[in-house]
Amino acid sequence: MWLLFPLLLLIVVAALAVLLSRARRNTADQPRRRCVSCQGTGWVGGGPQRTLTFDGEGFTDRQERRSLCEKCGGSGVGPR
């Protein structure tokens, strides 16, 4: 009878270990969702922006300032 308790305890611990490993594997296999607005970078803008200023050869470009993405808050992860 005294051997039955440690054996039962060993079976319960092994079952819990299997369940925990499956739970970790299921959460790790899910792909990370990227934000559509910033393509996962967390920043929007930063490229050249065409202006209406004509300098004789063509319209001039100026560098647009980068800002944090408002939709994901700068995390780069889209909504679930």
PDB file of N, CA and C in Angstrom:
ATOM      1  N   MET A   1       0.819  -1.192   0.000  1.00  0.00           N
ATOM      2  CA  MET A   1       0.000   0.000   0.000  1.00  0.00           C
ATOM      3  C   MET A   1       0.865   1.258   0.000  1.00  0.00           C
ATOM      4  N   TRP A   2       1.960   1.250   0.724  1.00  0.00           N
ATOM      5  CA  TRP A   2       2.808   2.430   0.794  1.00  0.00           C
ATOM      6  C   TRP A   2       3.561   2.668  -0.515  1.00  0.00           C
ATOM      7  N   LEU A   3       3.693   1.678  -1.383  1.00  0.00           N
ATOM      8  CA  LEU A   3       4.315   1.849  -2.701  1.00  0.00           C
ATOM      9  C   LEU A   3       3.330   2.421  -3.722  1.00  0.00           C
ATOM     10  N   LEU A   4       2.057   2.269  -3.445  1.00  0.00           N
ATOM     11  CA  LEU A   4       1.034   2.730  -4.377  1.00  0.00           C
ATOM     12  C   LEU A   4       0.957   4.267  -4.433  1.00  0.00           C
ATOM     13  N   PHE A   5       1.126   4.927  -3.293  1.00  0.00           N
ATOM     14  CA  PHE A   5       1.051   6.388  -3.267  1.00  0.00           C
ATOM     15  C   PHE A   5       2.173   7.050  -4.080  1.00  0.00           C
ATOM     16  N   PRO A   6       3.442   6.691  -3.925  1.00  0.00           N
ATOM     17  CA  PRO A   6       4.489   7.304  -4.764  1.00  0.00           C
ATOM     18  C   PRO A   6       4.306   6.998  -6.256  1.00  0.00           C
ATOM     19  N   LEU A   7       3.823   5.811  -6.585  1.00  0.00           N
ATOM     20  CA  LEU A   7       3.582   5.465  -7.977  1.00  0.00           C
ATOM     21  C   LEU A   7       2.462   6.319  -8.562  1.00  0.00           C
ATOM     22  N   LEU A   8       1.400   6.510  -7.813  1.00  0.00           N
ATOM     23  CA  LEU A   8       0.293   7.364  -8.248  1.00  0.00           C
ATOM     24  C   LEU A   8       0.744   8.821  -8.383  1.00  0.00           C
ATOM     25  N   LEU A   9       1.556   9.279  -7.461  1.00  0.00           N
ATOM     26  CA  LEU A   9       2.086  10.636  -7.519  1.00  0.00           C
ATOM     27  C   LEU A   9       2.981  10.822  -8.745  1.00  0.00           C
ATOM     28  N   LEU A  10       3.776   9.832  -9.086  1.00  0.00           N
ATOM     29  CA  LEU A  10       4.628   9.891 -10.261  1.00  0.00           C
ATOM     30  C   LEU A  10       3.799   9.963 -11.548  1.00  0.00           C
ATOM     31  N   ILE A  11       2.712   9.234 -11.606  1.00  0.00           N
ATOM     32  CA  ILE A  11       1.835   9.261 -12.771  1.00  0.00           C
ATOM     33  C   ILE A  11       1.178  10.634 -12.930  1.00  0.00           C
ATOM     34  N   VAL A  12       0.750  11.239 -11.839  1.00  0.00           N
ATOM     35  CA  VAL A  12       0.121  12.557 -11.886  1.00  0.00           C
ATOM     36  C   VAL A  12       1.133  13.610 -12.333  1.00  0.00           C
ATOM     37  N   VAL A  13       2.344  13.553 -11.825  1.00  0.00           N
ATOM     38  CA  VAL A  13       3.377  14.524 -12.207  1.00  0.00           C
ATOM     39  C   VAL A  13       3.723  14.372 -13.693  1.00  0.00           C
ATOM     40  N   ALA A  14       3.828  13.152 -14.183  1.00  0.00           N
ATOM     41  CA  ALA A  14       4.121  12.925 -15.602  1.00  0.00           C
ATOM     42  C   ALA A  14       2.986  13.451 -16.484  1.00  0.00           C
ATOM     43  N   ALA A  15       1.744  13.248 -16.075  1.00  0.00           N
ATOM     44  CA  ALA A  15       0.608  13.739 -16.855  1.00  0.00           C
ATOM     45  C   ALA A  15       0.597  15.263 -16.892  1.00  0.00           C
ATOM     46  N   LEU A  16       0.912  15.917 -15.780  1.00  0.00           N
ATOM     47  CA  LEU A  16       0.980  17.378 -15.750  1.00  0.00           C
ATOM     48  C   LEU A  16       2.107  17.907 -16.634  1.00  0.00           C
ATOM     49  N   ALA A  17       3.237  17.213 -16.647  1.00  0.00           N
ATOM     50  CA  ALA A  17       4.352  17.636 -17.496  1.00  0.00           C
ATOM     51  C   ALA A  17       3.975  17.550 -18.969  1.00  0.00           C
ATOM     52  N   VAL A  18       3.264  16.509 -19.352  1.00  0.00           N
ATOM     53  CA  VAL A  18       2.834  16.370 -20.745  1.00  0.00           C
ATOM     54  C   VAL A  18       1.837  17.460 -21.107  1.00  0.00           C
ATOM     55  N   LEU A  19       0.902  17.751 -20.232  1.00  0.00           N
ATOM     56  CA  LEU A  19      -0.081  18.791 -20.505  1.00  0.00           C
ATOM     57  C   LEU A  19       0.561  20.170 -20.623  1.00  0.00           C
ATOM     58  N   LEU A  20       1.514  20.474 -19.757  1.00  0.00           N
ATOM     59  CA  LEU A  20       2.190  21.763 -19.816  1.00  0.00           C
ATOM     60  C   LEU A  20       3.029  21.909 -21.080  1.00  0.00           C
ATOM     61  N   SER A  21       3.699  20.853 -21.494  1.00  0.00           N
ATOM     62  CA  SER A  21       4.504  20.941 -22.711  1.00  0.00           C
ATOM     63  C   SER A  21       3.619  21.134 -23.941  1.00  0.00           C
ATOM     64  N   ARG A  22       2.456  20.501 -23.964  1.00  0.00           N
ATOM     65  CA  ARG A  22       1.533  20.698 -25.090  1.00  0.00           C
ATOM     66  C   ARG A  22       0.977  22.111 -25.103  1.00  0.00           C
ATOM     67  N   ALA A  23       0.694  22.659 -23.938  1.00  0.00           N
ATOM     68  CA  ALA A  23       0.162  24.019 -23.869  1.00  0.00           C
ATOM     69  C   ALA A  23       1.203  25.030 -24.351  1.00  0.00           C
ATOM     70  N   ARG A  24       2.464  24.857 -23.973  1.00  0.00           N
ATOM     71  CA  ARG A  24       3.521  25.758 -24.435  1.00  0.00           C
ATOM     72  C   ARG A  24       3.727  25.653 -25.936  1.00  0.00           C
ATOM     73  N   ARG A  25       3.676  24.450 -26.448  1.00  0.00           N
ATOM     74  CA  ARG A  25       3.891  24.242 -27.874  1.00  0.00           C
ATOM     75  C   ARG A  25       2.760  24.878 -28.684  1.00  0.00           C
ATOM     76  N   ASN A  26       1.525  24.808 -28.196  1.00  0.00           N
ATOM     77  CA  ASN A  26       0.395  25.390 -28.925  1.00  0.00           C
ATOM     78  C   ASN A  26       0.477  26.907 -28.976  1.00  0.00           C
ATOM     79  N   THR A  27       0.931  27.556 -27.915  1.00  0.00           N
ATOM     80  CA  THR A  27       1.020  29.010 -27.922  1.00  0.00           C
ATOM     81  C   THR A  27       2.213  29.486 -28.737  1.00  0.00           C
ATOM     82  N   ALA A  28       3.278  28.719 -28.807  1.00  0.00           N
ATOM     83  CA  ALA A  28       4.466  29.131 -29.554  1.00  0.00           C
ATOM     84  C   ALA A  28       4.281  28.954 -31.058  1.00  0.00           C
ATOM     85  N   ASP A  29       3.393  28.083 -31.491  1.00  0.00           N
ATOM     86  CA  ASP A  29       3.207  27.825 -32.915  1.00  0.00           C
ATOM     87  C   ASP A  29       2.345  28.873 -33.602  1.00  0.00           C
ATOM     88  N   GLN A  30       1.662  29.703 -32.858  1.00  0.00           N
ATOM     89  CA  GLN A  30       0.793  30.699 -33.463  1.00  0.00           C
ATOM     90  C   GLN A  30       1.642  31.818 -34.060  1.00  0.00           C
ATOM     91  N   PRO A  31       1.382  32.201 -35.308  1.00  0.00           N
ATOM     92  CA  PRO A  31       2.178  33.272 -35.908  1.00  0.00           C
ATOM     93  C   PRO A  31       1.836  34.620 -35.305  1.00  0.00           C
ATOM     94  N   ARG A  32       2.793  35.479 -35.316  1.00  0.00           N
ATOM     95  CA  ARG A  32       2.596  36.832 -34.796  1.00  0.00           C
ATOM     96  C   ARG A  32       1.887  37.659 -35.859  1.00  0.00           C
ATOM     97  N   ARG A  33       0.860  38.387 -35.459  1.00  0.00           N
ATOM     98  CA  ARG A  33       0.101  39.194 -36.402  1.00  0.00           C
ATOM     99  C   ARG A  33       0.747  40.560 -36.543  1.00  0.00           C
ATOM    100  N   ARG A  34       1.042  40.927 -37.783  1.00  0.00           N
ATOM    101  CA  ARG A  34       1.654  42.218 -38.040  1.00  0.00           C
ATOM    102  C   ARG A  34       0.581  43.263 -38.290  1.00  0.00           C
ATOM    103  N   CYS A  35       0.858  44.472 -37.852  1.00  0.00           N
ATOM    104  CA  CYS A  35      -0.049  45.597 -38.080  1.00  0.00           C
ATOM    105  C   CYS A  35      -0.018  45.949 -39.566  1.00  0.00           C
ATOM    106  N   VAL A  36      -1.186  46.174 -40.141  1.00  0.00           N
ATOM    107  CA  VAL A  36      -1.283  46.466 -41.569  1.00  0.00           C
ATOM    108  C   VAL A  36      -0.780  47.878 -41.878  1.00  0.00           C
ATOM    109  N   SER A  37      -1.018  48.809 -41.000  1.00  0.00           N
ATOM    110  CA  SER A  37      -0.650  50.200 -41.261  1.00  0.00           C
ATOM    111  C   SER A  37       0.857  50.402 -41.336  1.00  0.00           C
ATOM    112  N   CYS A  38       1.598  49.779 -40.430  1.00  0.00           N
ATOM    113  CA  CYS A  38       3.047  50.004 -40.375  1.00  0.00           C
ATOM    114  C   CYS A  38       3.854  48.797 -40.847  1.00  0.00           C
ATOM    115  N   GLN A  39       3.201  47.738 -41.289  1.00  0.00           N
ATOM    116  CA  GLN A  39       3.838  46.489 -41.723  1.00  0.00           C
ATOM    117  C   GLN A  39       4.728  45.884 -40.641  1.00  0.00           C
ATOM    118  N   GLY A  40       4.337  46.062 -39.383  1.00  0.00           N
ATOM    119  CA  GLY A  40       5.039  45.437 -38.270  1.00  0.00           C
ATOM    120  C   GLY A  40       6.227  46.212 -37.743  1.00  0.00           C
ATOM    121  N   THR A  41       6.504  47.397 -38.271  1.00  0.00           N
ATOM    122  CA  THR A  41       7.650  48.158 -37.790  1.00  0.00           C
ATOM    123  C   THR A  41       7.318  49.024 -36.583  1.00  0.00           C
ATOM    124  N   GLY A  42       6.061  49.426 -36.439  1.00  0.00           N
ATOM    125  CA  GLY A  42       5.659  50.304 -35.348  1.00  0.00           C
ATOM    126  C   GLY A  42       5.744  51.777 -35.707  1.00  0.00           C
ATOM    127  N   TRP A  43       6.271  52.081 -36.896  1.00  0.00           N
ATOM    128  CA  TRP A  43       6.432  53.470 -37.340  1.00  0.00           C
ATOM    129  C   TRP A  43       5.744  53.667 -38.679  1.00  0.00           C
ATOM    130  N   VAL A  44       5.185  54.854 -38.876  1.00  0.00           N
ATOM    131  CA  VAL A  44       4.588  55.224 -40.162  1.00  0.00           C
ATOM    132  C   VAL A  44       5.268  56.495 -40.653  1.00  0.00           C
ATOM    133  N   GLY A  45       5.302  56.647 -41.957  1.00  0.00           N
ATOM    134  CA  GLY A  45       5.930  57.825 -42.545  1.00  0.00           C
ATOM    135  C   GLY A  45       7.416  57.618 -42.724  1.00  0.00           C
ATOM    136  N   GLY A  46       8.124  58.701 -42.909  1.00  0.00           N
ATOM    137  CA  GLY A  46       9.572  58.649 -43.032  1.00  0.00           C
ATOM    138  C   GLY A  46      10.073  58.629 -44.457  1.00  0.00           C
ATOM    139  N   GLY A  47       9.192  58.540 -45.427  1.00  0.00           N
ATOM    140  CA  GLY A  47       9.616  58.525 -46.820  1.00  0.00           C
ATOM    141  C   GLY A  47       9.579  59.911 -47.420  1.00  0.00           C
ATOM    142  N   PRO A  48       9.995  60.007 -48.674  1.00  0.00           N
ATOM    143  CA  PRO A  48       9.924  61.310 -49.333  1.00  0.00           C
ATOM    144  C   PRO A  48       8.482  61.699 -49.623  1.00  0.00           C
ATOM    145  N   GLN A  49       8.193  62.965 -49.461  1.00  0.00           N
ATOM    146  CA  GLN A  49       6.845  63.474 -49.686  1.00  0.00           C
ATOM    147  C   GLN A  49       6.911  64.540 -50.776  1.00  0.00           C
ATOM    148  N   ARG A  50       6.115  64.368 -51.816  1.00  0.00           N
ATOM    149  CA  ARG A  50       6.104  65.304 -52.939  1.00  0.00           C
ATOM    150  C   ARG A  50       5.405  66.590 -52.516  1.00  0.00           C
ATOM    151  N   THR A  51       6.043  67.717 -52.789  1.00  0.00           N
ATOM    152  CA  THR A  51       5.450  69.007 -52.476  1.00  0.00           C
ATOM    153  C   THR A  51       4.985  69.670 -53.764  1.00  0.00           C
ATOM    154  N   LEU A  52       4.289  70.771 -53.647  1.00  0.00           N
ATOM    155  CA  LEU A  52       3.831  71.524 -54.806  1.00  0.00           C
ATOM    156  C   LEU A  52       4.799  72.640 -55.181  1.00  0.00           C
ATOM    157  N   THR A  53       5.973  72.655 -54.558  1.00  0.00           N
ATOM    158  CA  THR A  53       6.972  73.668 -54.859  1.00  0.00           C
ATOM    159  C   THR A  53       7.716  73.273 -56.129  1.00  0.00           C
ATOM    160  N   PHE A  54       7.656  74.118 -57.140  1.00  0.00           N
ATOM    161  CA  PHE A  54       8.320  73.835 -58.411  1.00  0.00           C
ATOM    162  C   PHE A  54       9.630  74.619 -58.449  1.00  0.00           C
ATOM    163  N   ASP A  55      10.748  73.945 -58.674  1.00  0.00           N
ATOM    164  CA  ASP A  55      12.051  74.614 -58.644  1.00  0.00           C
ATOM    165  C   ASP A  55      12.652  74.819 -60.033  1.00  0.00           C
ATOM    166  N   GLY A  56      11.875  74.686 -61.090  1.00  0.00           N
ATOM    167  CA  GLY A  56      12.375  74.886 -62.439  1.00  0.00           C
ATOM    168  C   GLY A  56      12.637  73.578 -63.165  1.00  0.00           C
ATOM    169  N   GLU A  57      13.068  72.559 -62.453  1.00  0.00           N
ATOM    170  CA  GLU A  57      13.318  71.249 -63.053  1.00  0.00           C
ATOM    171  C   GLU A  57      12.209  70.260 -62.726  1.00  0.00           C
ATOM    172  N   GLY A  58      11.514  70.489 -61.670  1.00  0.00           N
ATOM    173  CA  GLY A  58      10.439  69.596 -61.255  1.00  0.00           C
ATOM    174  C   GLY A  58       9.981  69.942 -59.857  1.00  0.00           C
ATOM    175  N   PHE A  59       9.067  69.162 -59.389  1.00  0.00           N
ATOM    176  CA  PHE A  59       8.576  69.383 -58.027  1.00  0.00           C
ATOM    177  C   PHE A  59       9.594  68.844 -57.030  1.00  0.00           C
ATOM    178  N   THR A  60       9.723  69.520 -55.918  1.00  0.00           N
ATOM    179  CA  THR A  60      10.706  69.119 -54.917  1.00  0.00           C
ATOM    180  C   THR A  60      10.088  68.129 -53.927  1.00  0.00           C
ATOM    181  N   ASP A  61      10.936  67.310 -53.364  1.00  0.00           N
ATOM    182  CA  ASP A  61      10.536  66.354 -52.335  1.00  0.00           C
ATOM    183  C   ASP A  61      11.134  66.795 -51.006  1.00  0.00           C
ATOM    184  N   ARG A  62      10.450  66.503 -49.955  1.00  0.00           N
ATOM    185  CA  ARG A  62      11.004  66.721 -48.622  1.00  0.00           C
ATOM    186  C   ARG A  62      10.791  65.457 -47.815  1.00  0.00           C
ATOM    187  N   GLN A  63      11.638  65.248 -46.864  1.00  0.00           N
ATOM    188  CA  GLN A  63      11.568  64.052 -46.040  1.00  0.00           C
ATOM    189  C   GLN A  63      10.430  64.181 -45.034  1.00  0.00           C
ATOM    190  N   GLU A  64       9.555  63.201 -45.025  1.00  0.00           N
ATOM    191  CA  GLU A  64       8.430  63.200 -44.091  1.00  0.00           C
ATOM    192  C   GLU A  64       8.896  62.642 -42.750  1.00  0.00           C
ATOM    193  N   ARG A  65       8.429  63.228 -41.669  1.00  0.00           N
ATOM    194  CA  ARG A  65       8.820  62.765 -40.329  1.00  0.00           C
ATOM    195  C   ARG A  65       8.148  61.438 -40.008  1.00  0.00           C
ATOM    196  N   ARG A  66       8.872  60.595 -39.321  1.00  0.00           N
ATOM    197  CA  ARG A  66       8.318  59.317 -38.876  1.00  0.00           C
ATOM    198  C   ARG A  66       7.604  59.528 -37.555  1.00  0.00           C
ATOM    199  N   SER A  67       6.515  58.788 -37.356  1.00  0.00           N
ATOM    200  CA  SER A  67       5.781  58.870 -36.098  1.00  0.00           C
ATOM    201  C   SER A  67       5.305  57.470 -35.719  1.00  0.00           C
ATOM    202  N   LEU A  68       5.018  57.291 -34.454  1.00  0.00           N
ATOM    203  CA  LEU A  68       4.525  56.001 -33.984  1.00  0.00           C
ATOM    204  C   LEU A  68       3.181  55.693 -34.624  1.00  0.00           C
ATOM    205  N   CYS A  69       2.976  54.446 -34.951  1.00  0.00           N
ATOM    206  CA  CYS A  69       1.718  54.011 -35.545  1.00  0.00           C
ATOM    207  C   CYS A  69       0.606  54.139 -34.503  1.00  0.00           C
ATOM    208  N   GLU A  70      -0.468  54.800 -34.880  1.00  0.00           N
ATOM    209  CA  GLU A  70      -1.575  54.999 -33.940  1.00  0.00           C
ATOM    210  C   GLU A  70      -2.406  53.738 -33.759  1.00  0.00           C
ATOM    211  N   LYS A  71      -2.458  52.886 -34.772  1.00  0.00           N
ATOM    212  CA  LYS A  71      -3.318  51.703 -34.690  1.00  0.00           C
ATOM    213  C   LYS A  71      -2.766  50.628 -33.766  1.00  0.00           C
ATOM    214  N   CYS A  72      -1.438  50.461 -33.758  1.00  0.00           N
ATOM    215  CA  CYS A  72      -0.851  49.417 -32.889  1.00  0.00           C
ATOM    216  C   CYS A  72      -0.107  50.008 -31.697  1.00  0.00           C
ATOM    217  N   GLY A  73       0.004  51.324 -31.627  1.00  0.00           N
ATOM    218  CA  GLY A  73       0.695  51.960 -30.510  1.00  0.00           C
ATOM    219  C   GLY A  73       2.204  51.806 -30.553  1.00  0.00           C
ATOM    220  N   GLY A  74       2.743  51.470 -31.738  1.00  0.00           N
ATOM    221  CA  GLY A  74       4.195  51.304 -31.873  1.00  0.00           C
ATOM    222  C   GLY A  74       4.683  49.896 -31.612  1.00  0.00           C
ATOM    223  N   SER A  75       3.791  48.971 -31.314  1.00  0.00           N
ATOM    224  CA  SER A  75       4.225  47.594 -31.037  1.00  0.00           C
ATOM    225  C   SER A  75       4.458  46.792 -32.300  1.00  0.00           C
ATOM    226  N   GLY A  76       3.787  47.144 -33.402  1.00  0.00           N
ATOM    227  CA  GLY A  76       3.933  46.404 -34.645  1.00  0.00           C
ATOM    228  C   GLY A  76       3.023  45.194 -34.743  1.00  0.00           C
ATOM    229  N   VAL A  77       2.281  44.915 -33.688  1.00  0.00           N
ATOM    230  CA  VAL A  77       1.386  43.760 -33.650  1.00  0.00           C
ATOM    231  C   VAL A  77      -0.037  44.239 -33.892  1.00  0.00           C
ATOM    232  N   GLY A  78      -0.702  43.615 -34.847  1.00  0.00           N
ATOM    233  CA  GLY A  78      -2.067  44.004 -35.185  1.00  0.00           C
ATOM    234  C   GLY A  78      -3.071  43.505 -34.166  1.00  0.00           C
ATOM    235  N   PRO A  79      -4.286  43.997 -34.260  1.00  0.00           N
ATOM    236  CA  PRO A  79      -5.332  43.563 -33.325  1.00  0.00           C
ATOM    237  C   PRO A  79      -5.727  42.113 -33.572  1.00  0.00           C
ATOM    238  N   ARG A  80      -6.137  41.450 -32.540  1.00  0.00           N
ATOM    239  CA  ARG A  80      -6.549  40.031 -32.657  1.00  0.00           C
ATOM    240  C   ARG A  80      -8.010  39.930 -32.952  1.00  0.00           C
TER     241      ARG A  80
END
